[in-house]
Amino acid sequence: MNIIFVLIPLGLVLLAFAVWAFFWAVGNGQFDDLETPAWRILMDDDRRPPPLRNPDESTEKDIDPTTGSSDER
């Protein structure tokens, strides 16, 4: 029965935090535009994708990230 004296204040603190987080999100514009991100994925890109690089034909020095040394091909 004594645990109820811990759980009720803890629940009230969590509720207060959730209410504060909601009003902070509304104040910072998190809910201003809910439709554009959903439509953006459906719109076509006007840019072409970058050309694929053939891993056998390298014009630059390949640097091994673990050792930092360069490996010229």
C-alpha atoms as a PDB file:
ATOM      1  CA  MET A   1       0.000   0.000   0.000  1.00  0.00           C
ATOM      2  CA  ASN A   2       2.935   2.347   0.600  1.00  0.00           C
ATOM      3  CA  ILE A   3       3.957   2.092  -3.051  1.00  0.00           C
ATOM      4  CA  ILE A   4       0.877   4.119  -4.002  1.00  0.00           C
ATOM      5  CA  PHE A   5       2.509   7.118  -2.311  1.00  0.00           C
ATOM      6  CA  VAL A   6       5.362   6.816  -4.802  1.00  0.00           C
ATOM      7  CA  LEU A   7       3.409   5.906  -7.925  1.00  0.00           C
ATOM      8  CA  ILE A   8       0.838   8.708  -7.772  1.00  0.00           C
ATOM      9  CA  PRO A   9       3.404  11.548  -7.583  1.00  0.00           C
ATOM     10  CA  LEU A  10       5.540   9.809 -10.209  1.00  0.00           C
ATOM     11  CA  GLY A  11       2.512   9.572 -12.502  1.00  0.00           C
ATOM     12  CA  LEU A  12       1.727  13.247 -11.969  1.00  0.00           C
ATOM     13  CA  VAL A  13       5.322  14.219 -12.776  1.00  0.00           C
ATOM     14  CA  LEU A  14       5.227  12.166 -15.984  1.00  0.00           C
ATOM     15  CA  LEU A  15       1.877  13.725 -16.921  1.00  0.00           C
ATOM     16  CA  ALA A  16       3.256  17.222 -16.332  1.00  0.00           C
ATOM     17  CA  PHE A  17       6.292  16.415 -18.481  1.00  0.00           C
ATOM     18  CA  ALA A  18       4.061  15.115 -21.312  1.00  0.00           C
ATOM     19  CA  VAL A  19       1.887  18.247 -21.197  1.00  0.00           C
ATOM     20  CA  TRP A  20       4.982  20.461 -21.208  1.00  0.00           C
ATOM     21  CA  ALA A  21       6.486  18.554 -24.158  1.00  0.00           C
ATOM     22  CA  PHE A  22       3.229  18.875 -26.125  1.00  0.00           C
ATOM     23  CA  PHE A  23       2.996  22.628 -25.610  1.00  0.00           C
ATOM     24  CA  TRP A  24       6.702  23.028 -26.406  1.00  0.00           C
ATOM     25  CA  ALA A  25       6.211  21.160 -29.695  1.00  0.00           C
ATOM     26  CA  VAL A  26       3.187  23.285 -30.613  1.00  0.00           C
ATOM     27  CA  GLY A  27       5.067  26.474 -29.739  1.00  0.00           C
ATOM     28  CA  ASN A  28       8.062  25.499 -31.898  1.00  0.00           C
ATOM     29  CA  GLY A  29       5.938  24.769 -34.969  1.00  0.00           C
ATOM     30  CA  GLN A  30       6.148  20.984 -35.007  1.00  0.00           C
ATOM     31  CA  PHE A  31       2.485  20.699 -36.030  1.00  0.00           C
ATOM     32  CA  ASP A  32       2.281  23.636 -38.460  1.00  0.00           C
ATOM     33  CA  ASP A  33       2.363  21.666 -41.712  1.00  0.00           C
ATOM     34  CA  LEU A  34       1.220  18.071 -41.547  1.00  0.00           C
ATOM     35  CA  GLU A  35       0.367  17.553 -45.228  1.00  0.00           C
ATOM     36  CA  THR A  36       3.467  18.678 -47.167  1.00  0.00           C
ATOM     37  CA  PRO A  37       5.836  15.916 -45.964  1.00  0.00           C
ATOM     38  CA  ALA A  38       3.293  13.291 -47.012  1.00  0.00           C
ATOM     39  CA  TRP A  39       2.872  14.843 -50.474  1.00  0.00           C
ATOM     40  CA  ARG A  40       6.600  15.445 -50.981  1.00  0.00           C
ATOM     41  CA  ILE A  41       7.330  11.727 -51.280  1.00  0.00           C
ATOM     42  CA  LEU A  42       4.808  11.399 -54.092  1.00  0.00           C
ATOM     43  CA  MET A  43       6.201  14.261 -56.189  1.00  0.00           C
ATOM     44  CA  ASP A  44       8.719  13.505 -58.932  1.00  0.00           C
ATOM     45  CA  ASP A  45      12.323  14.568 -58.659  1.00  0.00           C
ATOM     46  CA  ASP A  46      13.516  16.792 -61.468  1.00  0.00           C
ATOM     47  CA  ARG A  47      17.137  15.843 -60.897  1.00  0.00           C
ATOM     48  CA  ARG A  48      18.804  12.829 -62.423  1.00  0.00           C
ATOM     49  CA  PRO A  49      20.478  10.368 -60.097  1.00  0.00           C
ATOM     50  CA  PRO A  50      24.288  10.512 -60.059  1.00  0.00           C
ATOM     51  CA  PRO A  51      26.044   8.083 -62.404  1.00  0.00           C
ATOM     52  CA  LEU A  52      27.160   4.810 -60.878  1.00  0.00           C
ATOM     53  CA  ARG A  53      30.871   4.526 -60.202  1.00  0.00           C
ATOM     54  CA  ASN A  54      32.655   1.425 -61.380  1.00  0.00           C
ATOM     55  CA  PRO A  55      34.742   0.214 -58.399  1.00  0.00           C
ATOM     56  CA  ASP A  56      37.443  -1.168 -60.739  1.00  0.00           C
ATOM     57  CA  GLU A  57      38.102   2.221 -62.350  1.00  0.00           C
ATOM     58  CA  SER A  58      39.272   4.628 -59.687  1.00  0.00           C
ATOM     59  CA  THR A  59      40.867   7.956 -60.600  1.00  0.00           C
ATOM     60  CA  GLU A  60      41.556   9.020 -57.046  1.00  0.00           C
ATOM     61  CA  LYS A  61      43.717   7.500 -54.385  1.00  0.00           C
ATOM     62  CA  ASP A  62      41.795   5.059 -52.240  1.00  0.00           C
ATOM     63  CA  ILE A  63      42.504   5.665 -48.567  1.00  0.00           C
ATOM     64  CA  ASP A  64      42.031   2.871 -46.078  1.00  0.00           C
ATOM     65  CA  PRO A  65      40.044   4.405 -43.171  1.00  0.00           C
ATOM     66  CA  THR A  66      41.512   1.984 -40.639  1.00  0.00           C
ATOM     67  CA  THR A  67      45.197   2.669 -41.359  1.00  0.00           C
ATOM     68  CA  GLY A  68      45.026   6.034 -43.106  1.00  0.00           C
ATOM     69  CA  SER A  69      47.468   4.908 -45.782  1.00  0.00           C
ATOM     70  CA  SER A  70      46.790   5.447 -49.440  1.00  0.00           C
ATOM     71  CA  ASP A  71      46.638   2.645 -51.964  1.00  0.00           C
ATOM     72  CA  GLU A  72      47.334   3.815 -55.513  1.00  0.00           C
ATOM     73  CA  ARG A  73      45.898   1.705 -58.271  1.00  0.00           C
END
